N, C-alpha and C. Protein backbone atom coordinates (compact mmCIF):
# COMPACT_ATOMS: atom_id res chain seq x y z
N MET A 1 51.99 -75.22 -4.63
CA MET A 1 52.02 -74.56 -3.35
C MET A 1 50.91 -75.16 -2.49
N SER A 2 51.32 -75.94 -1.52
CA SER A 2 50.33 -76.61 -0.70
C SER A 2 50.81 -76.68 0.73
N GLY A 3 49.96 -77.25 1.59
CA GLY A 3 50.34 -77.45 2.97
C GLY A 3 49.97 -76.27 3.84
N CYS A 4 50.76 -76.06 4.88
CA CYS A 4 50.54 -74.99 5.84
C CYS A 4 50.65 -73.63 5.16
N PRO A 5 50.24 -72.59 5.85
CA PRO A 5 50.37 -71.27 5.25
C PRO A 5 51.79 -71.06 4.75
N GLN A 6 51.86 -70.63 3.52
CA GLN A 6 53.16 -70.43 2.90
C GLN A 6 53.34 -68.94 2.65
N TYR A 7 54.56 -68.50 2.84
CA TYR A 7 54.88 -67.09 2.63
C TYR A 7 55.96 -66.99 1.57
N VAL A 8 55.84 -65.95 0.76
CA VAL A 8 56.80 -65.70 -0.30
C VAL A 8 57.21 -64.24 -0.25
N ASN A 9 58.33 -63.96 -0.87
CA ASN A 9 58.77 -62.58 -1.07
C ASN A 9 58.43 -62.28 -2.52
N TYR A 10 57.53 -61.31 -2.72
CA TYR A 10 57.08 -61.02 -4.07
C TYR A 10 57.38 -59.57 -4.45
N GLY A 11 58.48 -59.39 -5.17
CA GLY A 11 58.83 -58.08 -5.72
C GLY A 11 58.64 -56.94 -4.74
N ALA A 12 58.12 -55.84 -5.24
CA ALA A 12 57.95 -54.63 -4.43
C ALA A 12 56.90 -54.80 -3.33
N GLN A 13 56.07 -55.84 -3.43
CA GLN A 13 55.05 -56.07 -2.41
C GLN A 13 55.63 -56.63 -1.12
N GLY A 14 56.82 -57.22 -1.21
CA GLY A 14 57.47 -57.78 -0.03
C GLY A 14 56.89 -59.13 0.36
N ILE A 15 56.82 -59.37 1.66
CA ILE A 15 56.37 -60.66 2.18
C ILE A 15 54.86 -60.79 2.02
N CYS A 16 54.45 -61.89 1.39
CA CYS A 16 53.03 -62.16 1.15
C CYS A 16 52.68 -63.57 1.61
N ARG A 17 51.49 -63.69 2.11
CA ARG A 17 50.94 -65.02 2.43
C ARG A 17 50.29 -65.54 1.15
N VAL A 18 50.59 -66.79 0.81
CA VAL A 18 49.95 -67.43 -0.35
C VAL A 18 48.64 -68.02 0.15
N GLU A 19 47.54 -67.44 -0.30
CA GLU A 19 46.22 -67.90 0.13
C GLU A 19 45.76 -69.12 -0.66
N GLY A 20 46.41 -69.37 -1.80
CA GLY A 20 46.06 -70.52 -2.61
C GLY A 20 46.04 -70.16 -4.08
N VAL A 21 45.49 -71.05 -4.87
CA VAL A 21 45.33 -70.83 -6.31
C VAL A 21 43.83 -70.75 -6.57
N ARG A 22 43.42 -69.71 -7.29
CA ARG A 22 42.01 -69.49 -7.61
C ARG A 22 41.86 -69.27 -9.11
N SER A 23 40.76 -69.73 -9.63
CA SER A 23 40.42 -69.43 -11.01
C SER A 23 39.59 -68.15 -11.01
N ALA A 24 39.93 -67.23 -11.91
CA ALA A 24 39.20 -65.96 -11.97
C ALA A 24 39.20 -65.43 -13.39
N ARG A 25 38.24 -64.54 -13.65
CA ARG A 25 38.14 -63.86 -14.94
C ARG A 25 38.25 -62.37 -14.69
N PHE A 26 39.08 -61.72 -15.49
CA PHE A 26 39.23 -60.27 -15.39
C PHE A 26 39.04 -59.66 -16.77
N GLY A 27 38.26 -58.61 -16.83
CA GLY A 27 38.09 -57.86 -18.08
C GLY A 27 37.49 -58.67 -19.21
N GLY A 28 36.63 -59.61 -18.93
CA GLY A 28 35.98 -60.37 -19.97
C GLY A 28 36.84 -61.47 -20.58
N ALA A 29 38.07 -61.60 -20.14
CA ALA A 29 38.95 -62.65 -20.65
C ALA A 29 38.51 -64.00 -20.10
N LYS A 30 39.01 -65.06 -20.71
CA LYS A 30 38.67 -66.40 -20.20
C LYS A 30 39.28 -66.59 -18.82
N ALA A 31 38.71 -67.50 -18.08
CA ALA A 31 39.18 -67.79 -16.72
C ALA A 31 40.61 -68.33 -16.76
N ARG A 32 41.40 -67.87 -15.81
CA ARG A 32 42.78 -68.35 -15.65
C ARG A 32 43.00 -68.67 -14.17
N ASP A 33 44.04 -69.46 -13.92
CA ASP A 33 44.42 -69.75 -12.54
C ASP A 33 45.40 -68.69 -12.07
N TYR A 34 45.19 -68.24 -10.84
CA TYR A 34 46.02 -67.20 -10.23
C TYR A 34 46.45 -67.64 -8.84
N TYR A 35 47.70 -67.32 -8.49
CA TYR A 35 48.09 -67.38 -7.08
C TYR A 35 47.42 -66.18 -6.43
N LEU A 36 46.80 -66.40 -5.29
CA LEU A 36 46.21 -65.31 -4.54
C LEU A 36 47.16 -64.99 -3.38
N LEU A 37 47.73 -63.79 -3.41
CA LEU A 37 48.70 -63.36 -2.41
C LEU A 37 48.12 -62.23 -1.56
N SER A 38 48.45 -62.26 -0.27
CA SER A 38 48.07 -61.18 0.65
C SER A 38 49.33 -60.63 1.29
N PRO A 39 49.73 -59.39 0.97
CA PRO A 39 50.91 -58.81 1.62
C PRO A 39 50.71 -58.75 3.13
N VAL A 40 51.72 -59.18 3.90
CA VAL A 40 51.56 -59.22 5.36
C VAL A 40 51.39 -57.83 5.96
N HIS A 41 51.93 -56.80 5.31
CA HIS A 41 51.79 -55.45 5.84
C HIS A 41 50.59 -54.71 5.27
N GLN A 42 49.85 -55.37 4.39
CA GLN A 42 48.61 -54.83 3.83
C GLN A 42 47.63 -55.99 3.66
N PRO A 43 47.19 -56.60 4.76
CA PRO A 43 46.37 -57.82 4.65
C PRO A 43 45.04 -57.61 3.93
N GLU A 44 44.59 -56.36 3.84
CA GLU A 44 43.34 -56.10 3.14
C GLU A 44 43.52 -56.10 1.61
N THR A 45 44.77 -56.16 1.17
CA THR A 45 45.09 -56.16 -0.26
C THR A 45 45.21 -57.59 -0.77
N SER A 46 44.69 -57.83 -1.96
CA SER A 46 44.84 -59.13 -2.61
C SER A 46 45.55 -58.94 -3.93
N ILE A 47 46.50 -59.80 -4.19
CA ILE A 47 47.24 -59.77 -5.45
C ILE A 47 46.94 -61.06 -6.20
N TYR A 48 46.50 -60.92 -7.42
CA TYR A 48 46.25 -62.08 -8.28
C TYR A 48 47.41 -62.20 -9.25
N LEU A 49 48.17 -63.25 -9.11
CA LEU A 49 49.36 -63.47 -9.93
C LEU A 49 49.12 -64.67 -10.85
N PRO A 50 49.07 -64.43 -12.17
CA PRO A 50 48.78 -65.55 -13.08
C PRO A 50 49.80 -66.69 -12.92
N VAL A 51 49.29 -67.88 -12.71
CA VAL A 51 50.13 -69.06 -12.55
C VAL A 51 50.95 -69.31 -13.82
N ASP A 52 50.36 -68.98 -14.97
CA ASP A 52 51.01 -69.28 -16.25
C ASP A 52 51.85 -68.12 -16.81
N ASN A 53 52.22 -67.18 -15.96
CA ASN A 53 53.06 -66.06 -16.40
C ASN A 53 54.44 -66.20 -15.75
N PRO A 54 55.40 -66.78 -16.46
CA PRO A 54 56.71 -67.03 -15.85
C PRO A 54 57.46 -65.76 -15.46
N LEU A 55 57.25 -64.67 -16.18
CA LEU A 55 57.94 -63.43 -15.83
C LEU A 55 57.49 -62.92 -14.47
N LEU A 56 56.18 -62.88 -14.24
CA LEU A 56 55.68 -62.43 -12.94
C LEU A 56 55.99 -63.45 -11.84
N ALA A 57 55.83 -64.74 -12.17
CA ALA A 57 56.11 -65.78 -11.17
C ALA A 57 57.58 -65.78 -10.76
N SER A 58 58.48 -65.34 -11.64
CA SER A 58 59.90 -65.31 -11.31
C SER A 58 60.22 -64.26 -10.24
N LYS A 59 59.31 -63.32 -10.02
CA LYS A 59 59.51 -62.30 -8.99
C LYS A 59 59.07 -62.81 -7.61
N MET A 60 58.55 -64.02 -7.57
CA MET A 60 58.08 -64.62 -6.33
C MET A 60 59.06 -65.70 -5.91
N ARG A 61 59.53 -65.62 -4.67
CA ARG A 61 60.44 -66.64 -4.16
C ARG A 61 60.11 -66.92 -2.70
N PRO A 62 60.46 -68.11 -2.22
CA PRO A 62 60.20 -68.41 -0.80
C PRO A 62 60.94 -67.43 0.11
N VAL A 63 60.35 -67.15 1.25
CA VAL A 63 61.01 -66.34 2.26
C VAL A 63 62.20 -67.12 2.78
N LEU A 64 63.31 -66.43 3.00
CA LEU A 64 64.51 -67.10 3.52
C LEU A 64 64.23 -67.68 4.90
N THR A 65 64.79 -68.84 5.16
CA THR A 65 64.71 -69.45 6.48
C THR A 65 65.75 -68.78 7.39
N PRO A 66 65.63 -68.95 8.70
CA PRO A 66 66.66 -68.39 9.59
C PRO A 66 68.06 -68.90 9.24
N GLU A 67 68.18 -70.17 8.87
CA GLU A 67 69.49 -70.72 8.51
C GLU A 67 70.03 -70.04 7.24
N GLU A 68 69.15 -69.83 6.26
CA GLU A 68 69.57 -69.16 5.03
C GLU A 68 69.97 -67.70 5.30
N ILE A 69 69.26 -67.06 6.20
CA ILE A 69 69.61 -65.68 6.57
C ILE A 69 70.99 -65.64 7.20
N ASP A 70 71.23 -66.53 8.15
CA ASP A 70 72.55 -66.55 8.81
C ASP A 70 73.66 -66.82 7.80
N ARG A 71 73.42 -67.76 6.89
CA ARG A 71 74.41 -68.07 5.85
C ARG A 71 74.65 -66.86 4.95
N THR A 72 73.57 -66.17 4.59
CA THR A 72 73.69 -64.98 3.74
C THR A 72 74.48 -63.89 4.45
N ILE A 73 74.19 -63.66 5.71
CA ILE A 73 74.91 -62.63 6.47
C ILE A 73 76.40 -62.99 6.54
N ARG A 74 76.68 -64.24 6.89
CA ARG A 74 78.09 -64.65 7.01
C ARG A 74 78.82 -64.58 5.68
N SER A 75 78.09 -64.74 4.58
CA SER A 75 78.72 -64.75 3.25
C SER A 75 79.25 -63.38 2.84
N VAL A 76 78.79 -62.32 3.50
CA VAL A 76 79.26 -60.97 3.13
C VAL A 76 80.38 -60.47 4.04
N ARG A 77 80.74 -61.27 5.04
CA ARG A 77 81.80 -60.87 5.97
C ARG A 77 83.08 -60.58 5.19
N GLY A 78 83.61 -59.39 5.38
CA GLY A 78 84.87 -59.01 4.76
C GLY A 78 84.78 -58.62 3.30
N ILE A 79 83.60 -58.63 2.72
CA ILE A 79 83.43 -58.27 1.31
C ILE A 79 82.89 -56.85 1.23
N ARG A 80 83.46 -56.06 0.35
CA ARG A 80 83.01 -54.69 0.16
C ARG A 80 82.56 -54.49 -1.28
N MET A 81 81.41 -53.89 -1.44
CA MET A 81 80.95 -53.51 -2.77
C MET A 81 81.71 -52.24 -3.14
N PRO A 82 82.32 -52.21 -4.32
CA PRO A 82 83.06 -51.00 -4.71
C PRO A 82 82.12 -49.82 -4.95
N TRP A 83 82.60 -48.64 -4.59
CA TRP A 83 81.84 -47.41 -4.78
C TRP A 83 81.93 -47.00 -6.25
N ILE A 84 80.84 -46.60 -6.83
CA ILE A 84 80.79 -46.12 -8.20
C ILE A 84 80.71 -44.60 -8.15
N GLU A 85 81.75 -43.94 -8.63
CA GLU A 85 81.81 -42.48 -8.55
C GLU A 85 80.77 -41.78 -9.42
N ASP A 86 80.52 -42.31 -10.61
CA ASP A 86 79.56 -41.67 -11.51
C ASP A 86 78.14 -41.83 -10.96
N PHE A 87 77.49 -40.71 -10.68
CA PHE A 87 76.17 -40.73 -10.05
C PHE A 87 75.16 -41.54 -10.85
N HIS A 88 75.11 -41.34 -12.16
CA HIS A 88 74.11 -42.02 -12.98
C HIS A 88 74.35 -43.52 -13.03
N LEU A 89 75.60 -43.93 -13.19
CA LEU A 89 75.91 -45.36 -13.18
C LEU A 89 75.61 -45.97 -11.82
N ARG A 90 75.93 -45.23 -10.76
CA ARG A 90 75.67 -45.70 -9.40
C ARG A 90 74.16 -45.85 -9.16
N ALA A 91 73.40 -44.85 -9.56
CA ALA A 91 71.95 -44.90 -9.37
C ALA A 91 71.35 -46.07 -10.15
N GLN A 92 71.84 -46.32 -11.34
CA GLN A 92 71.35 -47.43 -12.15
C GLN A 92 71.67 -48.76 -11.48
N ARG A 93 72.89 -48.92 -11.04
CA ARG A 93 73.31 -50.17 -10.38
C ARG A 93 72.52 -50.40 -9.09
N PHE A 94 72.38 -49.36 -8.30
CA PHE A 94 71.64 -49.49 -7.04
C PHE A 94 70.17 -49.83 -7.30
N SER A 95 69.59 -49.22 -8.32
CA SER A 95 68.20 -49.51 -8.68
C SER A 95 68.03 -50.96 -9.09
N GLU A 96 68.99 -51.49 -9.84
CA GLU A 96 68.95 -52.91 -10.24
C GLU A 96 68.98 -53.82 -9.02
N ILE A 97 69.84 -53.49 -8.08
CA ILE A 97 69.96 -54.30 -6.85
C ILE A 97 68.65 -54.25 -6.07
N LEU A 98 68.08 -53.06 -5.92
CA LEU A 98 66.82 -52.93 -5.19
C LEU A 98 65.70 -53.72 -5.86
N SER A 99 65.65 -53.69 -7.17
CA SER A 99 64.56 -54.38 -7.86
C SER A 99 64.72 -55.90 -7.82
N ARG A 100 65.95 -56.40 -7.78
CA ARG A 100 66.17 -57.86 -7.69
C ARG A 100 65.82 -58.39 -6.30
N ARG A 101 65.99 -57.55 -5.29
CA ARG A 101 65.68 -57.93 -3.90
C ARG A 101 66.48 -59.15 -3.43
N ASP A 102 67.69 -59.28 -3.94
CA ASP A 102 68.58 -60.36 -3.50
C ASP A 102 69.20 -59.90 -2.18
N GLU A 103 68.96 -60.65 -1.13
CA GLU A 103 69.37 -60.21 0.21
C GLU A 103 70.87 -60.05 0.35
N ARG A 104 71.65 -60.89 -0.29
CA ARG A 104 73.11 -60.77 -0.22
C ARG A 104 73.55 -59.45 -0.85
N GLU A 105 73.05 -59.16 -2.04
CA GLU A 105 73.39 -57.90 -2.69
C GLU A 105 72.92 -56.70 -1.87
N LEU A 106 71.75 -56.84 -1.26
CA LEU A 106 71.23 -55.74 -0.45
C LEU A 106 72.11 -55.49 0.78
N LEU A 107 72.59 -56.56 1.40
CA LEU A 107 73.50 -56.38 2.54
C LEU A 107 74.78 -55.69 2.11
N LEU A 108 75.32 -56.07 0.95
CA LEU A 108 76.52 -55.42 0.44
C LEU A 108 76.25 -53.95 0.11
N LEU A 109 75.08 -53.68 -0.44
CA LEU A 109 74.70 -52.31 -0.76
C LEU A 109 74.59 -51.46 0.50
N VAL A 110 73.94 -51.98 1.53
CA VAL A 110 73.82 -51.26 2.80
C VAL A 110 75.20 -50.97 3.37
N GLY A 111 76.07 -51.98 3.36
CA GLY A 111 77.42 -51.79 3.87
C GLY A 111 78.18 -50.73 3.09
N CYS A 112 78.07 -50.78 1.77
CA CYS A 112 78.74 -49.81 0.90
C CYS A 112 78.28 -48.39 1.21
N LEU A 113 76.97 -48.20 1.29
CA LEU A 113 76.43 -46.86 1.54
C LEU A 113 76.76 -46.39 2.95
N TYR A 114 76.67 -47.28 3.91
CA TYR A 114 76.99 -46.89 5.29
C TYR A 114 78.44 -46.43 5.39
N LEU A 115 79.35 -47.22 4.83
CA LEU A 115 80.77 -46.86 4.88
C LEU A 115 81.04 -45.55 4.15
N ARG A 116 80.42 -45.36 3.00
CA ARG A 116 80.60 -44.12 2.25
C ARG A 116 80.13 -42.92 3.07
N GLY A 117 79.01 -43.07 3.72
CA GLY A 117 78.50 -41.99 4.57
C GLY A 117 79.43 -41.67 5.73
N GLU A 118 80.06 -42.71 6.27
CA GLU A 118 81.01 -42.52 7.38
C GLU A 118 82.30 -41.84 6.91
N GLN A 119 82.69 -42.10 5.66
CA GLN A 119 83.96 -41.58 5.13
C GLN A 119 83.87 -40.12 4.70
N ARG A 120 82.69 -39.65 4.41
CA ARG A 120 82.53 -38.30 3.88
C ARG A 120 81.99 -37.39 4.96
N PRO A 121 82.64 -36.24 5.20
CA PRO A 121 82.15 -35.32 6.23
C PRO A 121 80.71 -34.87 5.98
N GLN A 122 80.33 -34.70 4.72
CA GLN A 122 78.98 -34.26 4.41
C GLN A 122 77.98 -35.42 4.35
N GLY A 123 78.46 -36.63 4.54
CA GLY A 123 77.58 -37.80 4.51
C GLY A 123 77.16 -38.17 3.11
N LEU A 124 76.03 -38.82 3.00
CA LEU A 124 75.52 -39.29 1.71
C LEU A 124 74.64 -38.23 1.05
N SER A 125 74.55 -38.31 -0.26
CA SER A 125 73.62 -37.45 -0.99
C SER A 125 72.20 -37.88 -0.63
N ILE A 126 71.24 -37.05 -0.97
CA ILE A 126 69.84 -37.37 -0.68
C ILE A 126 69.45 -38.68 -1.38
N GLY A 127 69.83 -38.83 -2.64
CA GLY A 127 69.49 -40.05 -3.38
C GLY A 127 70.11 -41.29 -2.77
N ASP A 128 71.37 -41.18 -2.35
CA ASP A 128 72.03 -42.33 -1.72
C ASP A 128 71.40 -42.64 -0.36
N ARG A 129 71.00 -41.62 0.39
CA ARG A 129 70.32 -41.85 1.68
C ARG A 129 68.98 -42.57 1.46
N GLN A 130 68.26 -42.17 0.41
CA GLN A 130 66.99 -42.83 0.11
C GLN A 130 67.22 -44.29 -0.28
N THR A 131 68.26 -44.53 -1.06
CA THR A 131 68.59 -45.90 -1.44
C THR A 131 68.94 -46.73 -0.22
N LEU A 132 69.73 -46.15 0.68
CA LEU A 132 70.11 -46.84 1.91
C LEU A 132 68.87 -47.20 2.73
N ARG A 133 67.96 -46.25 2.91
CA ARG A 133 66.74 -46.53 3.68
C ARG A 133 65.89 -47.61 3.02
N GLN A 134 65.78 -47.57 1.70
CA GLN A 134 64.99 -48.56 0.99
C GLN A 134 65.61 -49.95 1.12
N ALA A 135 66.93 -50.05 0.96
CA ALA A 135 67.61 -51.34 1.09
C ALA A 135 67.46 -51.88 2.52
N GLN A 136 67.62 -51.00 3.51
CA GLN A 136 67.46 -51.43 4.90
C GLN A 136 66.04 -51.93 5.15
N ARG A 137 65.06 -51.23 4.61
CA ARG A 137 63.66 -51.62 4.82
C ARG A 137 63.40 -53.01 4.23
N ILE A 138 63.93 -53.27 3.04
CA ILE A 138 63.73 -54.58 2.39
C ILE A 138 64.35 -55.69 3.24
N VAL A 139 65.59 -55.47 3.67
CA VAL A 139 66.29 -56.47 4.49
C VAL A 139 65.56 -56.66 5.82
N GLU A 140 65.20 -55.56 6.46
CA GLU A 140 64.53 -55.65 7.76
C GLU A 140 63.20 -56.38 7.65
N GLU A 141 62.47 -56.15 6.56
CA GLU A 141 61.17 -56.80 6.42
C GLU A 141 61.30 -58.32 6.39
N GLU A 142 62.17 -58.83 5.52
CA GLU A 142 62.29 -60.28 5.41
C GLU A 142 62.97 -60.89 6.63
N PHE A 143 64.06 -60.28 7.08
CA PHE A 143 64.77 -60.85 8.22
C PHE A 143 63.91 -60.82 9.48
N SER A 144 63.22 -59.73 9.74
CA SER A 144 62.40 -59.65 10.95
C SER A 144 61.26 -60.66 10.88
N PHE A 145 60.68 -60.84 9.69
CA PHE A 145 59.59 -61.80 9.53
C PHE A 145 60.09 -63.22 9.81
N SER A 146 61.17 -63.60 9.18
CA SER A 146 61.67 -64.97 9.30
C SER A 146 62.28 -65.26 10.67
N LEU A 147 62.97 -64.27 11.24
CA LEU A 147 63.65 -64.47 12.52
C LEU A 147 62.77 -64.14 13.72
N HIS A 148 61.56 -63.65 13.47
CA HIS A 148 60.63 -63.25 14.53
C HIS A 148 61.25 -62.18 15.42
N LEU A 149 61.81 -61.16 14.77
CA LEU A 149 62.39 -60.02 15.46
C LEU A 149 61.61 -58.76 15.09
N GLN A 150 61.77 -57.73 15.89
CA GLN A 150 61.27 -56.42 15.49
C GLN A 150 62.22 -55.88 14.42
N ALA A 151 61.71 -55.07 13.51
CA ALA A 151 62.54 -54.53 12.43
C ALA A 151 63.75 -53.79 12.98
N ASP A 152 63.57 -53.07 14.09
CA ASP A 152 64.69 -52.30 14.64
C ASP A 152 65.73 -53.17 15.35
N GLN A 153 65.51 -54.47 15.44
CA GLN A 153 66.48 -55.39 16.03
C GLN A 153 67.35 -56.07 14.97
N VAL A 154 66.99 -55.93 13.72
CA VAL A 154 67.68 -56.64 12.64
C VAL A 154 69.12 -56.18 12.50
N GLY A 155 69.36 -54.88 12.56
CA GLY A 155 70.72 -54.35 12.43
C GLY A 155 71.66 -54.95 13.47
N ALA A 156 71.20 -54.98 14.72
CA ALA A 156 72.03 -55.55 15.79
C ALA A 156 72.26 -57.04 15.56
N TYR A 157 71.26 -57.74 15.07
CA TYR A 157 71.40 -59.17 14.77
C TYR A 157 72.48 -59.38 13.72
N ILE A 158 72.44 -58.58 12.66
CA ILE A 158 73.42 -58.69 11.57
C ILE A 158 74.82 -58.37 12.09
N ARG A 159 74.95 -57.25 12.82
CA ARG A 159 76.26 -56.87 13.34
C ARG A 159 76.82 -57.93 14.28
N ASN A 160 75.97 -58.54 15.09
CA ASN A 160 76.40 -59.61 16.00
C ASN A 160 76.96 -60.79 15.22
N LEU A 161 76.24 -61.22 14.16
CA LEU A 161 76.73 -62.34 13.36
C LEU A 161 78.04 -62.01 12.63
N LEU A 162 78.20 -60.75 12.28
CA LEU A 162 79.43 -60.34 11.59
C LEU A 162 80.55 -60.02 12.56
N GLY A 163 80.26 -60.07 13.86
CA GLY A 163 81.28 -59.79 14.87
C GLY A 163 81.64 -58.31 14.94
N LEU A 164 80.68 -57.45 14.61
CA LEU A 164 80.91 -56.01 14.66
C LEU A 164 80.34 -55.45 15.95
N SER A 165 80.87 -54.32 16.38
CA SER A 165 80.33 -53.68 17.57
C SER A 165 78.94 -53.18 17.28
N ASP A 166 78.14 -53.05 18.30
CA ASP A 166 76.75 -52.59 18.15
C ASP A 166 76.61 -51.15 18.59
N SER A 167 77.51 -50.29 18.10
CA SER A 167 77.50 -48.89 18.52
C SER A 167 76.59 -48.02 17.64
N ARG A 168 75.93 -48.62 16.66
CA ARG A 168 75.07 -47.83 15.74
C ARG A 168 73.68 -47.70 16.28
């Protein structure tokens, strides 16, 4: 990781600036090399991610470029994630999607939950509403960062690319 300031999407921390690689000792252990990450929404926070830990490093990926975002949005056009009737299976599946933070899956999840809420007079359950808000927040964070938009503009951007009306 070198060059200009680099940003990554790191698990539940979201978008982080890579400050570099530092050698550090924690808890009396021998010195190790760590990626030093600063979450953009919590710049006072520092995350030390061991360079030699493939499991933790696998949760770190480059932030999508605007071109990748557009491609991802277009890739979900006309695709519907099937609704899972069993609450426990649905909660498990949705939790897996949220933890992977794969933007394509998240877009499909948002679409699935939005449509389900529209189809039911009583709307979504509390748990499904929370999942919807969390998925929207994850998508809005990365898309707004990469596209230089406000978070509340991301929905309209997505609907525009999908050729949907902006009545929401």
